Amino acid sequence: MGMITQQPNGLYARISGVVDAPTHENMTKDDLNQYLIDTYQFDEVTPDVDSFLNEYGWSFEEACKRITDLNMTEKEKQDWIDKVSRKEE
């Protein structure tokens, strides 16, 4: 199972529960909407992005705790966190 979270820079990321690492980053709300459509994750309870995030969204801190050293070193994890924490200019 993947975790969807809002990054500190305001965009969205998906962290895979299979590989224990980020698979998507810096998604806009439109990008996230398309991802959820493409992966058939909308239903009667969560028919849109906001309801999906309210029901299944993870805090950034909790989602990052699920990143393990299976596919990322601690330095790579920290570099990724730093990257998605910066506001785009």
PDB file of N, CA and C in Angstrom:
ATOM      1  N   MET A   1       0.847  -1.189   0.000  1.00  0.00           N
ATOM      2  CA  MET A   1       0.000   0.000   0.000  1.00  0.00           C
ATOM      3  C   MET A   1       0.885   1.243   0.000  1.00  0.00           C
ATOM      4  N   GLY A   2       0.514   2.217  -0.802  1.00  0.00           N
ATOM      5  CA  GLY A   2       1.261   3.456  -0.866  1.00  0.00           C
ATOM      6  C   GLY A   2       0.679   4.510   0.058  1.00  0.00           C
ATOM      7  N   MET A   3       1.513   5.468   0.392  1.00  0.00           N
ATOM      8  CA  MET A   3       1.090   6.577   1.239  1.00  0.00           C
ATOM      9  C   MET A   3       1.160   7.857   0.424  1.00  0.00           C
ATOM     10  N   ILE A   4       0.095   8.617   0.436  1.00  0.00           N
ATOM     11  CA  ILE A   4       0.065   9.929  -0.208  1.00  0.00           C
ATOM     12  C   ILE A   4       0.234  10.959   0.898  1.00  0.00           C
ATOM     13  N   THR A   5       1.134  11.899   0.658  1.00  0.00           N
ATOM     14  CA  THR A   5       1.406  12.926   1.655  1.00  0.00           C
ATOM     15  C   THR A   5       1.638  14.267   0.976  1.00  0.00           C
ATOM     16  N   GLN A   6       1.365  15.328   1.717  1.00  0.00           N
ATOM     17  CA  GLN A   6       1.693  16.654   1.217  1.00  0.00           C
ATOM     18  C   GLN A   6       3.090  16.991   1.709  1.00  0.00           C
ATOM     19  N   GLN A   7       3.948  17.319   0.779  1.00  0.00           N
ATOM     20  CA  GLN A   7       5.329  17.668   1.093  1.00  0.00           C
ATOM     21  C   GLN A   7       5.374  19.049   1.756  1.00  0.00           C
ATOM     22  N   PRO A   8       6.454  19.363   2.437  1.00  0.00           N
ATOM     23  CA  PRO A   8       6.573  20.704   3.038  1.00  0.00           C
ATOM     24  C   PRO A   8       6.488  21.835   2.014  1.00  0.00           C
ATOM     25  N   ASN A   9       6.838  21.573   0.747  1.00  0.00           N
ATOM     26  CA  ASN A   9       6.765  22.621  -0.277  1.00  0.00           C
ATOM     27  C   ASN A   9       5.357  22.809  -0.835  1.00  0.00           C
ATOM     28  N   GLY A  10       4.376  22.044  -0.302  1.00  0.00           N
ATOM     29  CA  GLY A  10       2.989  22.199  -0.719  1.00  0.00           C
ATOM     30  C   GLY A  10       2.542  21.249  -1.811  1.00  0.00           C
ATOM     31  N   LEU A  11       3.478  20.579  -2.467  1.00  0.00           N
ATOM     32  CA  LEU A  11       3.131  19.601  -3.494  1.00  0.00           C
ATOM     33  C   LEU A  11       2.948  18.237  -2.837  1.00  0.00           C
ATOM     34  N   TYR A  12       2.689  17.202  -3.638  1.00  0.00           N
ATOM     35  CA  TYR A  12       2.333  15.891  -3.094  1.00  0.00           C
ATOM     36  C   TYR A  12       3.328  14.813  -3.513  1.00  0.00           C
ATOM     37  N   ALA A  13       3.437  13.796  -2.665  1.00  0.00           N
ATOM     38  CA  ALA A  13       4.320  12.663  -2.944  1.00  0.00           C
ATOM     39  C   ALA A  13       3.587  11.364  -2.631  1.00  0.00           C
ATOM     40  N   ARG A  14       4.057  10.293  -3.282  1.00  0.00           N
ATOM     41  CA  ARG A  14       3.610   8.942  -2.961  1.00  0.00           C
ATOM     42  C   ARG A  14       4.829   8.169  -2.497  1.00  0.00           C
ATOM     43  N   ILE A  15       4.691   7.525  -1.354  1.00  0.00           N
ATOM     44  CA  ILE A  15       5.745   6.670  -0.830  1.00  0.00           C
ATOM     45  C   ILE A  15       5.214   5.245  -0.867  1.00  0.00           C
ATOM     46  N   SER A  16       5.918   4.379  -1.562  1.00  0.00           N
ATOM     47  CA  SER A  16       5.482   3.003  -1.741  1.00  0.00           C
ATOM     48  C   SER A  16       5.664   2.200  -0.465  1.00  0.00           C
ATOM     49  N   GLY A  17       4.646   1.410  -0.147  1.00  0.00           N
ATOM     50  CA  GLY A  17       4.748   0.486   0.975  1.00  0.00           C
ATOM     51  C   GLY A  17       5.404  -0.827   0.564  1.00  0.00           C
ATOM     52  N   VAL A  18       5.642  -1.003  -0.730  1.00  0.00           N
ATOM     53  CA  VAL A  18       6.303  -2.206  -1.227  1.00  0.00           C
ATOM     54  C   VAL A  18       7.821  -2.015  -1.225  1.00  0.00           C
ATOM     55  N   VAL A  19       8.268  -0.911  -1.806  1.00  0.00           N
ATOM     56  CA  VAL A  19       9.714  -0.665  -1.874  1.00  0.00           C
ATOM     57  C   VAL A  19      10.201   0.257  -0.754  1.00  0.00           C
ATOM     58  N   ASP A  20       9.258   0.729   0.086  1.00  0.00           N
ATOM     59  CA  ASP A  20       9.589   1.589   1.231  1.00  0.00           C
ATOM     60  C   ASP A  20      10.400   2.816   0.831  1.00  0.00           C
ATOM     61  N   ALA A  21      10.003   3.432  -0.290  1.00  0.00           N
ATOM     62  CA  ALA A  21      10.698   4.611  -0.800  1.00  0.00           C
ATOM     63  C   ALA A  21       9.728   5.442  -1.631  1.00  0.00           C
ATOM     64  N   PRO A  22      10.047   6.722  -1.855  1.00  0.00           N
ATOM     65  CA  PRO A  22       9.199   7.556  -2.701  1.00  0.00           C
ATOM     66  C   PRO A  22       9.196   7.058  -4.141  1.00  0.00           C
ATOM     67  N   THR A  23       8.024   7.052  -4.744  1.00  0.00           N
ATOM     68  CA  THR A  23       7.911   6.703  -6.163  1.00  0.00           C
ATOM     69  C   THR A  23       7.413   7.878  -6.991  1.00  0.00           C
ATOM     70  N   HIS A  24       6.762   8.834  -6.361  1.00  0.00           N
ATOM     71  CA  HIS A  24       6.269  10.045  -7.022  1.00  0.00           C
ATOM     72  C   HIS A  24       6.591  11.220  -6.102  1.00  0.00           C
ATOM     73  N   GLU A  25       6.941  12.330  -6.692  1.00  0.00           N
ATOM     74  CA  GLU A  25       7.227  13.530  -5.897  1.00  0.00           C
ATOM     75  C   GLU A  25       6.829  14.769  -6.678  1.00  0.00           C
ATOM     76  N   ASN A  26       6.671  15.854  -5.945  1.00  0.00           N
ATOM     77  CA  ASN A  26       6.361  17.157  -6.537  1.00  0.00           C
ATOM     78  C   ASN A  26       5.159  17.108  -7.478  1.00  0.00           C
ATOM     79  N   MET A  27       4.143  16.321  -7.101  1.00  0.00           N
ATOM     80  CA  MET A  27       2.907  16.282  -7.887  1.00  0.00           C
ATOM     81  C   MET A  27       2.024  17.466  -7.497  1.00  0.00           C
ATOM     82  N   THR A  28       1.471  18.121  -8.490  1.00  0.00           N
ATOM     83  CA  THR A  28       0.463  19.140  -8.213  1.00  0.00           C
ATOM     84  C   THR A  28      -0.829  18.410  -7.834  1.00  0.00           C
ATOM     85  N   LYS A  29      -1.822  19.152  -7.413  1.00  0.00           N
ATOM     86  CA  LYS A  29      -3.107  18.534  -7.100  1.00  0.00           C
ATOM     87  C   LYS A  29      -3.706  17.901  -8.363  1.00  0.00           C
ATOM     88  N   ASP A  30      -3.512  18.539  -9.518  1.00  0.00           N
ATOM     89  CA  ASP A  30      -3.984  17.959 -10.777  1.00  0.00           C
ATOM     90  C   ASP A  30      -3.241  16.663 -11.095  1.00  0.00           C
ATOM     91  N   ASP A  31      -1.921  16.649 -10.868  1.00  0.00           N
ATOM     92  CA  ASP A  31      -1.141  15.422 -11.075  1.00  0.00           C
ATOM     93  C   ASP A  31      -1.637  14.308 -10.158  1.00  0.00           C
ATOM     94  N   LEU A  32      -1.872  14.661  -8.898  1.00  0.00           N
ATOM     95  CA  LEU A  32      -2.363  13.672  -7.940  1.00  0.00           C
ATOM     96  C   LEU A  32      -3.735  13.155  -8.355  1.00  0.00           C
ATOM     97  N   ASN A  33      -4.600  14.053  -8.795  1.00  0.00           N
ATOM     98  CA  ASN A  33      -5.917  13.645  -9.264  1.00  0.00           C
ATOM     99  C   ASN A  33      -5.782  12.623 -10.400  1.00  0.00           C
ATOM    100  N   GLN A  34      -4.911  12.910 -11.363  1.00  0.00           N
ATOM    101  CA  GLN A  34      -4.730  11.996 -12.492  1.00  0.00           C
ATOM    102  C   GLN A  34      -4.153  10.660 -12.028  1.00  0.00           C
ATOM    103  N   TYR A  35      -3.202  10.688 -11.098  1.00  0.00           N
ATOM    104  CA  TYR A  35      -2.634   9.444 -10.553  1.00  0.00           C
ATOM    105  C   TYR A  35      -3.733   8.602  -9.895  1.00  0.00           C
ATOM    106  N   LEU A  36      -4.578   9.241  -9.102  1.00  0.00           N
ATOM    107  CA  LEU A  36      -5.650   8.511  -8.417  1.00  0.00           C
ATOM    108  C   LEU A  36      -6.665   7.952  -9.404  1.00  0.00           C
ATOM    109  N   ILE A  37      -6.938   8.689 -10.471  1.00  0.00           N
ATOM    110  CA  ILE A  37      -7.821   8.182 -11.525  1.00  0.00           C
ATOM    111  C   ILE A  37      -7.162   6.974 -12.205  1.00  0.00           C
ATOM    112  N   ASP A  38      -5.899   7.130 -12.593  1.00  0.00           N
ATOM    113  CA  ASP A  38      -5.186   6.073 -13.319  1.00  0.00           C
ATOM    114  C   ASP A  38      -5.052   4.791 -12.503  1.00  0.00           C
ATOM    115  N   THR A  39      -5.012   4.928 -11.180  1.00  0.00           N
ATOM    116  CA  THR A  39      -4.827   3.753 -10.318  1.00  0.00           C
ATOM    117  C   THR A  39      -6.137   3.328  -9.646  1.00  0.00           C
ATOM    118  N   TYR A  40      -7.252   3.847 -10.140  1.00  0.00           N
ATOM    119  CA  TYR A  40      -8.590   3.433  -9.693  1.00  0.00           C
ATOM    120  C   TYR A  40      -8.775   3.545  -8.173  1.00  0.00           C
ATOM    121  N   GLN A  41      -8.361   4.668  -7.605  1.00  0.00           N
ATOM    122  CA  GLN A  41      -8.439   4.816  -6.156  1.00  0.00           C
ATOM    123  C   GLN A  41      -9.616   5.654  -5.683  1.00  0.00           C
ATOM    124  N   PHE A  42     -10.415   6.194  -6.599  1.00  0.00           N
ATOM    125  CA  PHE A  42     -11.607   6.918  -6.193  1.00  0.00           C
ATOM    126  C   PHE A  42     -12.770   5.942  -6.032  1.00  0.00           C
ATOM    127  N   ASP A  43     -13.650   6.235  -5.084  1.00  0.00           N
ATOM    128  CA  ASP A  43     -14.845   5.416  -4.891  1.00  0.00           C
ATOM    129  C   ASP A  43     -15.949   6.305  -4.320  1.00  0.00           C
ATOM    130  N   GLU A  44     -17.038   5.705  -3.835  1.00  0.00           N
ATOM    131  CA  GLU A  44     -18.157   6.487  -3.311  1.00  0.00           C
ATOM    132  C   GLU A  44     -17.757   7.318  -2.085  1.00  0.00           C
ATOM    133  N   VAL A  45     -16.865   6.785  -1.279  1.00  0.00           N
ATOM    134  CA  VAL A  45     -16.430   7.469  -0.061  1.00  0.00           C
ATOM    135  C   VAL A  45     -15.414   8.559  -0.386  1.00  0.00           C
ATOM    136  N   THR A  46     -14.558   8.307  -1.358  1.00  0.00           N
ATOM    137  CA  THR A  46     -13.507   9.254  -1.721  1.00  0.00           C
ATOM    138  C   THR A  46     -13.581   9.562  -3.217  1.00  0.00           C
ATOM    139  N   PRO A  47     -14.569  10.371  -3.624  1.00  0.00           N
ATOM    140  CA  PRO A  47     -14.766  10.636  -5.052  1.00  0.00           C
ATOM    141  C   PRO A  47     -13.861  11.719  -5.640  1.00  0.00           C
ATOM    142  N   ASP A  48     -13.052  12.376  -4.801  1.00  0.00           N
ATOM    143  CA  ASP A  48     -12.184  13.442  -5.297  1.00  0.00           C
ATOM    144  C   ASP A  48     -10.915  13.507  -4.440  1.00  0.00           C
ATOM    145  N   VAL A  49      -9.972  14.334  -4.879  1.00  0.00           N
ATOM    146  CA  VAL A  49      -8.673  14.421  -4.208  1.00  0.00           C
ATOM    147  C   VAL A  49      -8.817  14.833  -2.748  1.00  0.00           C
ATOM    148  N   ASP A  50      -9.608  15.850  -2.469  1.00  0.00           N
ATOM    149  CA  ASP A  50      -9.721  16.333  -1.087  1.00  0.00           C
ATOM    150  C   ASP A  50     -10.286  15.267  -0.158  1.00  0.00           C
ATOM    151  N   SER A  51     -11.320  14.560  -0.604  1.00  0.00           N
ATOM    152  CA  SER A  51     -11.879  13.511   0.247  1.00  0.00           C
ATOM    153  C   SER A  51     -10.893  12.355   0.390  1.00  0.00           C
ATOM    154  N   PHE A  52     -10.151  12.061  -0.676  1.00  0.00           N
ATOM    155  CA  PHE A  52      -9.137  11.006  -0.593  1.00  0.00           C
ATOM    156  C   PHE A  52      -8.075  11.376   0.437  1.00  0.00           C
ATOM    157  N   LEU A  53      -7.589  12.617   0.384  1.00  0.00           N
ATOM    158  CA  LEU A  53      -6.559  13.058   1.329  1.00  0.00           C
ATOM    159  C   LEU A  53      -7.090  13.052   2.758  1.00  0.00           C
ATOM    160  N   ASN A  54      -8.342  13.471   2.947  1.00  0.00           N
ATOM    161  CA  ASN A  54      -8.926  13.465   4.291  1.00  0.00           C
ATOM    162  C   ASN A  54      -9.027  12.054   4.850  1.00  0.00           C
ATOM    163  N   GLU A  55      -9.343  11.096   3.984  1.00  0.00           N
ATOM    164  CA  GLU A  55      -9.537   9.711   4.420  1.00  0.00           C
ATOM    165  C   GLU A  55      -8.225   8.928   4.517  1.00  0.00           C
ATOM    166  N   TYR A  56      -7.348   9.114   3.523  1.00  0.00           N
ATOM    167  CA  TYR A  56      -6.166   8.252   3.416  1.00  0.00           C
ATOM    168  C   TYR A  56      -4.827   8.982   3.443  1.00  0.00           C
ATOM    169  N   GLY A  57      -4.842  10.305   3.482  1.00  0.00           N
ATOM    170  CA  GLY A  57      -3.590  11.051   3.474  1.00  0.00           C
ATOM    171  C   GLY A  57      -2.779  10.832   4.745  1.00  0.00           C
ATOM    172  N   TRP A  58      -1.483  10.870   4.597  1.00  0.00           N
ATOM    173  CA  TRP A  58      -0.547  10.703   5.714  1.00  0.00           C
ATOM    174  C   TRP A  58       0.146  12.033   5.985  1.00  0.00           C
ATOM    175  N   SER A  59       0.509  12.269   7.234  1.00  0.00           N
ATOM    176  CA  SER A  59       1.340  13.433   7.511  1.00  0.00           C
ATOM    177  C   SER A  59       2.718  13.160   6.909  1.00  0.00           C
ATOM    178  N   PHE A  60       3.406  14.206   6.528  1.00  0.00           N
ATOM    179  CA  PHE A  60       4.724  14.047   5.920  1.00  0.00           C
ATOM    180  C   PHE A  60       5.672  13.329   6.882  1.00  0.00           C
ATOM    181  N   GLU A  61       5.630  13.699   8.144  1.00  0.00           N
ATOM    182  CA  GLU A  61       6.531  13.096   9.127  1.00  0.00           C
ATOM    183  C   GLU A  61       6.281  11.594   9.268  1.00  0.00           C
ATOM    184  N   GLU A  62       5.007  11.199   9.343  1.00  0.00           N
ATOM    185  CA  GLU A  62       4.686   9.771   9.481  1.00  0.00           C
ATOM    186  C   GLU A  62       5.046   9.001   8.213  1.00  0.00           C
ATOM    187  N   ALA A  63       4.773   9.578   7.058  1.00  0.00           N
ATOM    188  CA  ALA A  63       5.110   8.903   5.805  1.00  0.00           C
ATOM    189  C   ALA A  63       6.618   8.704   5.690  1.00  0.00           C
ATOM    190  N   CYS A  64       7.394   9.707   6.083  1.00  0.00           N
ATOM    191  CA  CYS A  64       8.855   9.595   6.000  1.00  0.00           C
ATOM    192  C   CYS A  64       9.405   8.524   6.943  1.00  0.00           C
ATOM    193  N   LYS A  65       8.718   8.278   8.035  1.00  0.00           N
ATOM    194  CA  LYS A  65       9.154   7.217   8.953  1.00  0.00           C
ATOM    195  C   LYS A  65       9.056   5.844   8.295  1.00  0.00           C
ATOM    196  N   ARG A  66       8.219   5.717   7.264  1.00  0.00           N
ATOM    197  CA  ARG A  66       8.031   4.438   6.566  1.00  0.00           C
ATOM    198  C   ARG A  66       9.090   4.192   5.499  1.00  0.00           C
ATOM    199  N   ILE A  67       9.920   5.194   5.206  1.00  0.00           N
ATOM    200  CA  ILE A  67      11.011   5.004   4.254  1.00  0.00           C
ATOM    201  C   ILE A  67      12.120   4.246   4.978  1.00  0.00           C
ATOM    202  N   THR A  68      12.495   3.102   4.427  1.00  0.00           N
ATOM    203  CA  THR A  68      13.524   2.280   5.070  1.00  0.00           C
ATOM    204  C   THR A  68      14.784   2.260   4.216  1.00  0.00           C
ATOM    205  N   ASP A  69      15.784   1.554   4.703  1.00  0.00           N
ATOM    206  CA  ASP A  69      17.039   1.435   3.959  1.00  0.00           C
ATOM    207  C   ASP A  69      16.994   0.320   2.914  1.00  0.00           C
ATOM    208  N   LEU A  70      15.805  -0.215   2.638  1.00  0.00           N
ATOM    209  CA  LEU A  70      15.652  -1.241   1.613  1.00  0.00           C
ATOM    210  C   LEU A  70      16.110  -0.727   0.245  1.00  0.00           C
ATOM    211  N   ASN A  71      15.736   0.494  -0.095  1.00  0.00           N
ATOM    212  CA  ASN A  71      16.080   1.060  -1.405  1.00  0.00           C
ATOM    213  C   ASN A  71      16.702   2.453  -1.341  1.00  0.00           C
ATOM    214  N   MET A  72      16.874   2.992  -0.149  1.00  0.00           N
ATOM    215  CA  MET A  72      17.479   4.316   0.009  1.00  0.00           C
ATOM    216  C   MET A  72      18.394   4.295   1.222  1.00  0.00           C
ATOM    217  N   THR A  73      19.545   4.913   1.081  1.00  0.00           N
ATOM    218  CA  THR A  73      20.398   5.092   2.252  1.00  0.00           C
ATOM    219  C   THR A  73      19.814   6.217   3.100  1.00  0.00           C
ATOM    220  N   GLU A  74      20.288   6.347   4.305  1.00  0.00           N
ATOM    221  CA  GLU A  74      19.824   7.439   5.169  1.00  0.00           C
ATOM    222  C   GLU A  74      20.151   8.789   4.538  1.00  0.00           C
ATOM    223  N   LYS A  75      21.315   8.897   3.897  1.00  0.00           N
ATOM    224  CA  LYS A  75      21.689  10.149   3.229  1.00  0.00           C
ATOM    225  C   LYS A  75      20.752  10.430   2.055  1.00  0.00           C
ATOM    226  N   GLU A  76      20.428   9.413   1.247  1.00  0.00           N
ATOM    227  CA  GLU A  76      19.495   9.606   0.135  1.00  0.00           C
ATOM    228  C   GLU A  76      18.127  10.029   0.644  1.00  0.00           C
ATOM    229  N   LYS A  77      17.694   9.437   1.735  1.00  0.00           N
ATOM    230  CA  LYS A  77      16.411   9.817   2.341  1.00  0.00           C
ATOM    231  C   LYS A  77      16.449  11.278   2.769  1.00  0.00           C
ATOM    232  N   GLN A  78      17.498  11.678   3.458  1.00  0.00           N
ATOM    233  CA  GLN A  78      17.600  13.063   3.920  1.00  0.00           C
ATOM    234  C   GLN A  78      17.699  14.029   2.744  1.00  0.00           C
ATOM    235  N   ASP A  79      18.452  13.653   1.704  1.00  0.00           N
ATOM    236  CA  ASP A  79      18.545  14.499   0.505  1.00  0.00           C
ATOM    237  C   ASP A  79      17.172  14.668  -0.141  1.00  0.00           C
ATOM    238  N   TRP A  80      16.384  13.584  -0.188  1.00  0.00           N
ATOM    239  CA  TRP A  80      15.037  13.663  -0.760  1.00  0.00           C
ATOM    240  C   TRP A  80      14.150  14.576   0.079  1.00  0.00           C
ATOM    241  N   ILE A  81      14.207  14.424   1.392  1.00  0.00           N
ATOM    242  CA  ILE A  81      13.412  15.275   2.284  1.00  0.00           C
ATOM    243  C   ILE A  81      13.789  16.741   2.079  1.00  0.00           C
ATOM    244  N   ASP A  82      15.084  17.021   1.996  1.00  0.00           N
ATOM    245  CA  ASP A  82      15.540  18.397   1.766  1.00  0.00           C
ATOM    246  C   ASP A  82      15.015  18.925   0.430  1.00  0.00           C
ATOM    247  N   LYS A  83      15.066  18.082  -0.607  1.00  0.00           N
ATOM    248  CA  LYS A  83      14.626  18.481  -1.948  1.00  0.00           C
ATOM    249  C   LYS A  83      13.146  18.840  -1.971  1.00  0.00           C
ATOM    250  N   VAL A  84      12.308  18.005  -1.364  1.00  0.00           N
ATOM    251  CA  VAL A  84      10.860  18.255  -1.432  1.00  0.00           C
ATOM    252  C   VAL A  84      10.407  19.259  -0.371  1.00  0.00           C
ATOM    253  N   SER A  85      11.335  19.752   0.415  1.00  0.00           N
ATOM    254  CA  SER A  85      11.015  20.776   1.397  1.00  0.00           C
ATOM    255  C   SER A  85      11.229  22.182   0.842  1.00  0.00           C
ATOM    256  N   ARG A  86      11.960  22.276  -0.262  1.00  0.00           N
ATOM    257  CA  ARG A  86      12.244  23.585  -0.870  1.00  0.00           C
ATOM    258  C   ARG A  86      11.105  24.025  -1.764  1.00  0.00           C
ATOM    259  N   LYS A  87      10.758  25.278  -1.650  1.00  0.00           N
ATOM    260  CA  LYS A  87       9.736  25.863  -2.530  1.00  0.00           C
ATOM    261  C   LYS A  87      10.344  26.054  -3.917  1.00  0.00           C
ATOM    262  N   GLU A  88       9.552  25.743  -4.947  1.00  0.00           N
ATOM    263  CA  GLU A  88       9.980  25.978  -6.323  1.00  0.00           C
ATOM    264  C   GLU A  88      10.011  27.483  -6.568  1.00  0.00           C
ATOM    265  N   GLU A  89      10.984  27.926  -7.326  1.00  0.00           N
ATOM    266  CA  GLU A  89      11.073  29.370  -7.623  1.00  0.00           C
ATOM    267  C   GLU A  89      10.714  29.666  -9.049  1.00  0.00           C
TER     268      GLU A  89
END
